[in-house]
Amino acid sequence: MTRIPMIAVATAALFGLAACEPTTPPTPGANIPAGPYVLVGIGADTVPQRNVDLTIAADGSISGRAPCNHYSASQTAEPPAFAVGPLTTTRMACSGNAGRLESRYLQALSAANGITYEGGVLTIKGPTYLTFEPGYRKE
C-alpha cells in the first residue's frame, strides 16, 4: 500500500470516529424566535377571535395587546424557563367576553414559568398554558 492512500484511509477513519463523539442535545424549544405572535389557545380553549398578541424582543422582553389594553414586561429567565416582571398595562375599560379573556390572559401570563417553541408553535407554560402562532392580531 502506498503512503498517500494510507493517509487518506487514516483521515477518513478519524472523521468517522469524530462523528460518533457524544454531544449534548439542545434543550427542545430553548431557542425562542423574537417577533410577533398571536394567541390561539388559552388552557384547553381556543381563541378564535385572534385578538391577543405578544411580541418577544431580542432581549427577551415582551409586549403586546390584549383585547382592550396594551401591556409590556421584562422577562428575565433563560428558556425553557420563563419569568415575567410586573406587567405594565394601559387602563382602558374592558367588559363582557373581551374583559374576561383579557383578565384570564394577563393572569396566565403573570403566573407563567416556562416557554417552548416547537413546530412553529410558541407555548408559554404555567398553571394555564398559552398557545401562540407566529403572526399579528386581528383588529
N, C-alpha and C. Protein backbone atom coordinates (compact mmCIF):
# COMPACT_ATOMS: atom_id res chain seq x y z
N MET A 1 0.84 -1.17 0.00
CA MET A 1 0.00 0.00 0.00
C MET A 1 0.89 1.25 0.00
N THR A 2 0.54 2.22 -0.82
CA THR A 2 1.36 3.42 -0.89
C THR A 2 1.01 4.36 0.24
N ARG A 3 1.87 5.33 0.45
CA ARG A 3 1.73 6.25 1.57
C ARG A 3 0.48 7.14 1.43
N ILE A 4 0.14 7.66 0.26
CA ILE A 4 -0.99 8.56 0.09
C ILE A 4 -2.31 7.87 0.36
N PRO A 5 -2.60 6.70 -0.19
CA PRO A 5 -3.87 6.05 0.15
C PRO A 5 -3.98 5.73 1.65
N MET A 6 -2.87 5.37 2.31
CA MET A 6 -2.91 5.06 3.72
C MET A 6 -3.29 6.30 4.54
N ILE A 7 -2.75 7.46 4.14
CA ILE A 7 -3.10 8.70 4.83
C ILE A 7 -4.58 9.00 4.63
N ALA A 8 -5.08 8.78 3.44
CA ALA A 8 -6.49 9.03 3.15
C ALA A 8 -7.38 8.12 3.99
N VAL A 9 -6.99 6.84 4.12
CA VAL A 9 -7.78 5.90 4.93
C VAL A 9 -7.75 6.31 6.40
N ALA A 10 -6.60 6.72 6.90
CA ALA A 10 -6.49 7.14 8.30
C ALA A 10 -7.31 8.39 8.55
N THR A 11 -7.28 9.34 7.62
CA THR A 11 -8.06 10.56 7.77
C THR A 11 -9.55 10.26 7.77
N ALA A 12 -9.99 9.40 6.87
CA ALA A 12 -11.41 9.03 6.80
C ALA A 12 -11.84 8.34 8.10
N ALA A 13 -11.00 7.47 8.64
CA ALA A 13 -11.33 6.79 9.89
C ALA A 13 -11.43 7.79 11.04
N LEU A 14 -10.52 8.77 11.05
CA LEU A 14 -10.54 9.78 12.10
C LEU A 14 -11.84 10.59 12.05
N PHE A 15 -12.25 11.01 10.85
CA PHE A 15 -13.50 11.76 10.73
C PHE A 15 -14.71 10.88 11.07
N GLY A 16 -14.65 9.62 10.73
CA GLY A 16 -15.74 8.71 11.07
C GLY A 16 -15.89 8.57 12.58
N LEU A 17 -14.77 8.48 13.30
CA LEU A 17 -14.82 8.38 14.75
C LEU A 17 -15.30 9.69 15.37
N ALA A 18 -14.92 10.82 14.80
CA ALA A 18 -15.36 12.11 15.32
C ALA A 18 -16.87 12.25 15.22
N ALA A 19 -17.47 11.65 14.19
CA ALA A 19 -18.92 11.72 14.03
C ALA A 19 -19.63 10.95 15.14
N CYS A 20 -18.94 9.98 15.76
CA CYS A 20 -19.54 9.19 16.83
C CYS A 20 -19.37 9.84 18.20
N GLU A 21 -18.64 10.94 18.26
CA GLU A 21 -18.41 11.64 19.52
C GLU A 21 -19.74 12.06 20.13
N PRO A 22 -20.00 11.72 21.40
CA PRO A 22 -21.27 12.12 22.00
C PRO A 22 -21.36 13.63 22.12
N THR A 23 -22.54 14.15 21.88
CA THR A 23 -22.78 15.58 22.03
C THR A 23 -23.99 15.76 22.92
N THR A 24 -24.08 16.91 23.54
CA THR A 24 -25.23 17.23 24.37
C THR A 24 -26.30 17.81 23.47
N PRO A 25 -27.46 17.17 23.39
CA PRO A 25 -28.50 17.71 22.53
C PRO A 25 -29.03 19.02 23.09
N PRO A 26 -29.44 19.93 22.21
CA PRO A 26 -30.00 21.19 22.71
C PRO A 26 -31.32 20.94 23.43
N THR A 27 -31.64 21.79 24.37
CA THR A 27 -32.91 21.69 25.07
C THR A 27 -34.02 22.02 24.08
N PRO A 28 -35.02 21.14 23.92
CA PRO A 28 -36.09 21.45 22.97
C PRO A 28 -36.76 22.78 23.31
N GLY A 29 -36.94 23.60 22.29
CA GLY A 29 -37.64 24.86 22.48
C GLY A 29 -36.83 25.94 23.16
N ALA A 30 -35.51 25.70 23.40
CA ALA A 30 -34.71 26.70 24.09
C ALA A 30 -34.44 27.92 23.21
N ASN A 31 -34.48 27.76 21.91
CA ASN A 31 -34.30 28.89 21.00
C ASN A 31 -35.67 29.48 20.70
N ILE A 32 -35.99 30.55 21.33
CA ILE A 32 -37.29 31.19 21.14
C ILE A 32 -37.10 32.34 20.15
N PRO A 33 -37.67 32.24 18.95
CA PRO A 33 -37.51 33.32 17.98
C PRO A 33 -38.21 34.60 18.44
N ALA A 34 -37.50 35.71 18.34
CA ALA A 34 -38.11 37.01 18.62
C ALA A 34 -39.11 37.31 17.52
N GLY A 35 -40.08 38.15 17.83
CA GLY A 35 -41.05 38.55 16.82
C GLY A 35 -42.47 38.51 17.32
N PRO A 36 -43.41 38.73 16.40
CA PRO A 36 -44.82 38.80 16.77
C PRO A 36 -45.51 37.43 16.77
N TYR A 37 -46.39 37.25 17.73
CA TYR A 37 -47.19 36.02 17.86
C TYR A 37 -48.63 36.41 18.15
N VAL A 38 -49.55 35.51 17.78
CA VAL A 38 -50.97 35.72 18.06
C VAL A 38 -51.46 34.55 18.92
N LEU A 39 -52.26 34.86 19.94
CA LEU A 39 -52.79 33.84 20.84
C LEU A 39 -53.85 33.02 20.12
N VAL A 40 -53.69 31.69 20.14
CA VAL A 40 -54.68 30.79 19.52
C VAL A 40 -55.32 29.86 20.53
N GLY A 41 -54.73 29.78 21.74
CA GLY A 41 -55.31 28.93 22.77
C GLY A 41 -54.93 29.39 24.16
N ILE A 42 -55.88 29.23 25.08
CA ILE A 42 -55.63 29.53 26.48
C ILE A 42 -56.21 28.36 27.27
N GLY A 43 -55.35 27.65 27.97
CA GLY A 43 -55.78 26.41 28.61
C GLY A 43 -56.27 25.45 27.53
N ALA A 44 -57.41 24.84 27.75
CA ALA A 44 -57.99 23.91 26.76
C ALA A 44 -58.89 24.62 25.75
N ASP A 45 -59.01 25.94 25.86
CA ASP A 45 -59.92 26.70 25.00
C ASP A 45 -59.19 27.33 23.82
N THR A 46 -59.84 27.39 22.67
CA THR A 46 -59.29 28.10 21.53
C THR A 46 -59.69 29.57 21.62
N VAL A 47 -58.93 30.40 20.94
CA VAL A 47 -59.22 31.84 20.89
C VAL A 47 -59.47 32.18 19.42
N PRO A 48 -60.70 31.99 18.96
CA PRO A 48 -60.99 32.17 17.54
C PRO A 48 -60.91 33.62 17.07
N GLN A 49 -61.03 34.60 17.97
CA GLN A 49 -61.01 36.00 17.56
C GLN A 49 -59.62 36.45 17.13
N ARG A 50 -58.58 35.78 17.59
CA ARG A 50 -57.19 36.16 17.29
C ARG A 50 -56.96 37.64 17.64
N ASN A 51 -57.48 38.06 18.80
CA ASN A 51 -57.40 39.47 19.18
C ASN A 51 -56.44 39.73 20.34
N VAL A 52 -55.50 38.81 20.56
CA VAL A 52 -54.47 38.98 21.59
C VAL A 52 -53.13 38.70 20.91
N ASP A 53 -52.18 39.62 21.08
CA ASP A 53 -50.87 39.34 20.51
C ASP A 53 -49.77 39.52 21.54
N LEU A 54 -48.62 39.01 21.19
CA LEU A 54 -47.43 39.04 22.04
C LEU A 54 -46.25 39.26 21.12
N THR A 55 -45.38 40.19 21.46
CA THR A 55 -44.14 40.37 20.72
C THR A 55 -43.00 40.10 21.67
N ILE A 56 -42.09 39.24 21.24
CA ILE A 56 -40.89 38.95 22.02
C ILE A 56 -39.75 39.73 21.39
N ALA A 57 -39.12 40.61 22.16
CA ALA A 57 -37.99 41.40 21.68
C ALA A 57 -36.71 40.57 21.74
N ALA A 58 -35.68 41.03 21.07
CA ALA A 58 -34.40 40.33 21.05
C ALA A 58 -33.82 40.16 22.46
N ASP A 59 -34.11 41.09 23.36
CA ASP A 59 -33.61 40.98 24.74
C ASP A 59 -34.50 40.11 25.62
N GLY A 60 -35.57 39.54 25.05
CA GLY A 60 -36.46 38.66 25.79
C GLY A 60 -37.66 39.37 26.40
N SER A 61 -37.66 40.70 26.42
CA SER A 61 -38.81 41.40 26.98
C SER A 61 -40.04 41.16 26.11
N ILE A 62 -41.20 41.35 26.69
CA ILE A 62 -42.45 41.07 25.97
C ILE A 62 -43.33 42.31 25.97
N SER A 63 -44.17 42.39 24.96
CA SER A 63 -45.18 43.44 24.87
C SER A 63 -46.28 42.94 23.97
N GLY A 64 -47.40 43.62 23.99
CA GLY A 64 -48.49 43.21 23.12
C GLY A 64 -49.77 43.92 23.45
N ARG A 65 -50.82 43.35 22.90
CA ARG A 65 -52.15 43.92 23.14
C ARG A 65 -53.12 42.79 23.43
N ALA A 66 -53.82 42.92 24.54
CA ALA A 66 -54.91 42.00 24.87
C ALA A 66 -56.15 42.57 24.18
N PRO A 67 -57.34 42.04 24.39
CA PRO A 67 -58.50 42.56 23.66
C PRO A 67 -58.69 44.07 23.79
N CYS A 68 -58.37 44.63 24.96
CA CYS A 68 -58.64 46.07 25.18
C CYS A 68 -57.40 46.90 25.49
N ASN A 69 -56.42 46.34 26.14
CA ASN A 69 -55.29 47.11 26.65
C ASN A 69 -53.95 46.61 26.12
N HIS A 70 -53.01 47.55 26.03
CA HIS A 70 -51.62 47.22 25.70
C HIS A 70 -50.92 46.81 26.99
N TYR A 71 -49.89 45.98 26.88
CA TYR A 71 -49.14 45.55 28.05
C TYR A 71 -47.67 45.39 27.67
N SER A 72 -46.81 45.39 28.67
CA SER A 72 -45.39 45.11 28.47
C SER A 72 -44.80 44.63 29.79
N ALA A 73 -43.67 43.93 29.68
CA ALA A 73 -42.99 43.43 30.88
C ALA A 73 -41.60 42.95 30.50
N SER A 74 -40.73 42.92 31.49
CA SER A 74 -39.43 42.30 31.28
C SER A 74 -39.62 40.79 31.43
N GLN A 75 -38.69 40.04 30.89
CA GLN A 75 -38.69 38.59 31.03
C GLN A 75 -37.25 38.23 31.31
N THR A 76 -36.97 37.69 32.48
CA THR A 76 -35.58 37.57 32.95
C THR A 76 -35.00 36.16 32.95
N ALA A 77 -35.79 35.15 32.69
CA ALA A 77 -35.29 33.77 32.76
C ALA A 77 -34.75 33.31 31.41
N GLU A 78 -33.84 32.35 31.44
CA GLU A 78 -33.31 31.72 30.23
C GLU A 78 -34.25 30.60 29.83
N PRO A 79 -34.71 30.59 28.56
CA PRO A 79 -35.58 29.49 28.13
C PRO A 79 -34.88 28.15 28.33
N PRO A 80 -35.60 27.16 28.75
CA PRO A 80 -37.04 26.99 28.72
C PRO A 80 -37.77 27.56 29.95
N ALA A 81 -37.05 28.22 30.86
CA ALA A 81 -37.74 28.88 31.98
C ALA A 81 -38.32 30.21 31.49
N PHE A 82 -39.25 30.75 32.23
CA PHE A 82 -39.92 31.99 31.86
C PHE A 82 -40.31 32.70 33.14
N ALA A 83 -39.90 33.96 33.29
CA ALA A 83 -40.22 34.72 34.50
C ALA A 83 -40.53 36.16 34.10
N VAL A 84 -41.78 36.51 34.16
CA VAL A 84 -42.22 37.85 33.77
C VAL A 84 -42.15 38.78 34.96
N GLY A 85 -41.56 39.97 34.73
CA GLY A 85 -41.58 41.01 35.75
C GLY A 85 -42.99 41.58 35.83
N PRO A 86 -43.20 42.57 36.64
CA PRO A 86 -44.55 43.15 36.75
C PRO A 86 -45.04 43.63 35.38
N LEU A 87 -46.29 43.30 35.07
CA LEU A 87 -46.90 43.75 33.82
C LEU A 87 -47.31 45.21 33.94
N THR A 88 -46.98 45.97 32.93
CA THR A 88 -47.46 47.34 32.82
C THR A 88 -48.56 47.32 31.78
N THR A 89 -49.74 47.83 32.12
CA THR A 89 -50.85 47.83 31.17
C THR A 89 -51.49 49.21 31.11
N THR A 90 -52.12 49.47 29.96
CA THR A 90 -52.95 50.66 29.88
C THR A 90 -54.21 50.37 30.69
N ARG A 91 -55.05 51.35 30.91
CA ARG A 91 -56.20 51.18 31.80
C ARG A 91 -57.53 51.46 31.12
N MET A 92 -57.70 50.97 29.90
CA MET A 92 -58.98 51.16 29.21
C MET A 92 -60.02 50.21 29.79
N ALA A 93 -61.25 50.65 29.84
CA ALA A 93 -62.34 49.79 30.34
C ALA A 93 -62.47 48.58 29.41
N CYS A 94 -62.75 47.44 30.00
CA CYS A 94 -62.85 46.21 29.22
C CYS A 94 -63.88 45.31 29.91
N SER A 95 -65.01 45.07 29.24
CA SER A 95 -66.08 44.29 29.88
C SER A 95 -66.52 43.16 28.95
N GLY A 96 -67.45 42.39 29.43
CA GLY A 96 -68.01 41.29 28.64
C GLY A 96 -66.98 40.21 28.36
N ASN A 97 -67.16 39.52 27.21
CA ASN A 97 -66.24 38.44 26.84
C ASN A 97 -64.81 38.94 26.69
N ALA A 98 -64.64 40.14 26.12
CA ALA A 98 -63.30 40.70 25.95
C ALA A 98 -62.63 40.90 27.31
N GLY A 99 -63.37 41.41 28.26
CA GLY A 99 -62.83 41.63 29.60
C GLY A 99 -62.45 40.34 30.29
N ARG A 100 -63.29 39.32 30.14
CA ARG A 100 -62.99 38.02 30.75
C ARG A 100 -61.74 37.40 30.12
N LEU A 101 -61.63 37.48 28.78
CA LEU A 101 -60.45 36.93 28.10
C LEU A 101 -59.20 37.70 28.52
N GLU A 102 -59.29 39.01 28.55
CA GLU A 102 -58.11 39.82 28.92
C GLU A 102 -57.65 39.49 30.33
N SER A 103 -58.56 39.41 31.27
CA SER A 103 -58.21 39.10 32.65
C SER A 103 -57.56 37.72 32.74
N ARG A 104 -58.16 36.75 32.10
CA ARG A 104 -57.62 35.37 32.13
C ARG A 104 -56.24 35.32 31.49
N TYR A 105 -56.07 36.00 30.37
CA TYR A 105 -54.79 36.01 29.67
C TYR A 105 -53.69 36.64 30.52
N LEU A 106 -53.94 37.83 31.04
CA LEU A 106 -52.92 38.53 31.81
C LEU A 106 -52.57 37.78 33.10
N GLN A 107 -53.55 37.13 33.72
CA GLN A 107 -53.26 36.31 34.90
C GLN A 107 -52.38 35.12 34.53
N ALA A 108 -52.70 34.45 33.41
CA ALA A 108 -51.90 33.30 32.97
C ALA A 108 -50.49 33.72 32.62
N LEU A 109 -50.35 34.85 31.95
CA LEU A 109 -49.03 35.36 31.56
C LEU A 109 -48.20 35.69 32.80
N SER A 110 -48.81 36.31 33.79
CA SER A 110 -48.11 36.68 35.03
C SER A 110 -47.65 35.46 35.81
N ALA A 111 -48.41 34.37 35.75
CA ALA A 111 -48.10 33.17 36.52
C ALA A 111 -47.23 32.17 35.76
N ALA A 112 -46.89 32.47 34.52
CA ALA A 112 -46.15 31.51 33.69
C ALA A 112 -44.74 31.27 34.22
N ASN A 113 -44.24 30.05 33.96
CA ASN A 113 -42.90 29.71 34.42
C ASN A 113 -42.07 28.94 33.39
N GLY A 114 -42.61 28.78 32.18
CA GLY A 114 -41.87 28.06 31.14
C GLY A 114 -42.26 28.54 29.77
N ILE A 115 -41.37 28.31 28.79
CA ILE A 115 -41.64 28.70 27.41
C ILE A 115 -40.94 27.73 26.47
N THR A 116 -41.64 27.33 25.41
CA THR A 116 -41.04 26.48 24.38
C THR A 116 -41.51 26.97 23.01
N TYR A 117 -40.72 26.63 22.01
CA TYR A 117 -41.09 26.91 20.62
C TYR A 117 -40.74 25.66 19.83
N GLU A 118 -41.76 24.96 19.38
CA GLU A 118 -41.56 23.73 18.63
C GLU A 118 -42.58 23.64 17.52
N GLY A 119 -42.13 23.30 16.32
CA GLY A 119 -43.03 23.10 15.20
C GLY A 119 -43.84 24.33 14.85
N GLY A 120 -43.28 25.52 15.04
CA GLY A 120 -43.99 26.75 14.73
C GLY A 120 -45.01 27.16 15.77
N VAL A 121 -45.00 26.51 16.93
CA VAL A 121 -45.95 26.83 18.00
C VAL A 121 -45.17 27.30 19.23
N LEU A 122 -45.53 28.47 19.72
CA LEU A 122 -44.96 29.01 20.94
C LEU A 122 -45.91 28.67 22.07
N THR A 123 -45.38 28.06 23.13
CA THR A 123 -46.20 27.72 24.29
C THR A 123 -45.58 28.36 25.52
N ILE A 124 -46.38 29.15 26.21
CA ILE A 124 -45.97 29.70 27.50
C ILE A 124 -46.70 28.88 28.55
N LYS A 125 -45.90 28.26 29.41
CA LYS A 125 -46.42 27.26 30.35
C LYS A 125 -46.55 27.82 31.75
N GLY A 126 -47.51 27.30 32.45
CA GLY A 126 -47.77 27.66 33.84
C GLY A 126 -49.03 26.93 34.27
N PRO A 127 -49.70 27.42 35.30
CA PRO A 127 -50.97 26.79 35.69
C PRO A 127 -51.96 26.76 34.52
N THR A 128 -51.92 27.79 33.67
CA THR A 128 -52.74 27.82 32.45
C THR A 128 -51.80 28.03 31.27
N TYR A 129 -51.82 27.10 30.32
CA TYR A 129 -50.96 27.21 29.14
C TYR A 129 -51.51 28.24 28.17
N LEU A 130 -50.59 28.99 27.53
CA LEU A 130 -50.94 29.93 26.47
C LEU A 130 -50.28 29.44 25.19
N THR A 131 -51.05 29.30 24.13
CA THR A 131 -50.53 28.78 22.87
C THR A 131 -50.61 29.87 21.81
N PHE A 132 -49.48 30.09 21.12
CA PHE A 132 -49.38 31.14 20.12
C PHE A 132 -48.87 30.58 18.80
N GLU A 133 -49.22 31.26 17.72
CA GLU A 133 -48.64 31.01 16.41
C GLU A 133 -48.00 32.31 15.95
N PRO A 134 -46.97 32.25 15.10
CA PRO A 134 -46.41 33.49 14.58
C PRO A 134 -47.48 34.28 13.84
N GLY A 135 -47.50 35.58 14.02
CA GLY A 135 -48.46 36.42 13.31
C GLY A 135 -48.91 37.62 14.12
N TYR A 136 -49.92 38.28 13.59
CA TYR A 136 -50.42 39.52 14.16
C TYR A 136 -51.89 39.36 14.55
N ARG A 137 -52.32 40.14 15.51
CA ARG A 137 -53.72 40.11 15.95
C ARG A 137 -54.64 40.67 14.88
N LYS A 138 -55.87 40.23 14.91
CA LYS A 138 -56.89 40.77 14.03
C LYS A 138 -57.49 41.99 14.70
N GLU A 139 -57.70 43.04 13.96
CA GLU A 139 -58.28 44.27 14.51
C GLU A 139 -59.79 44.23 14.42
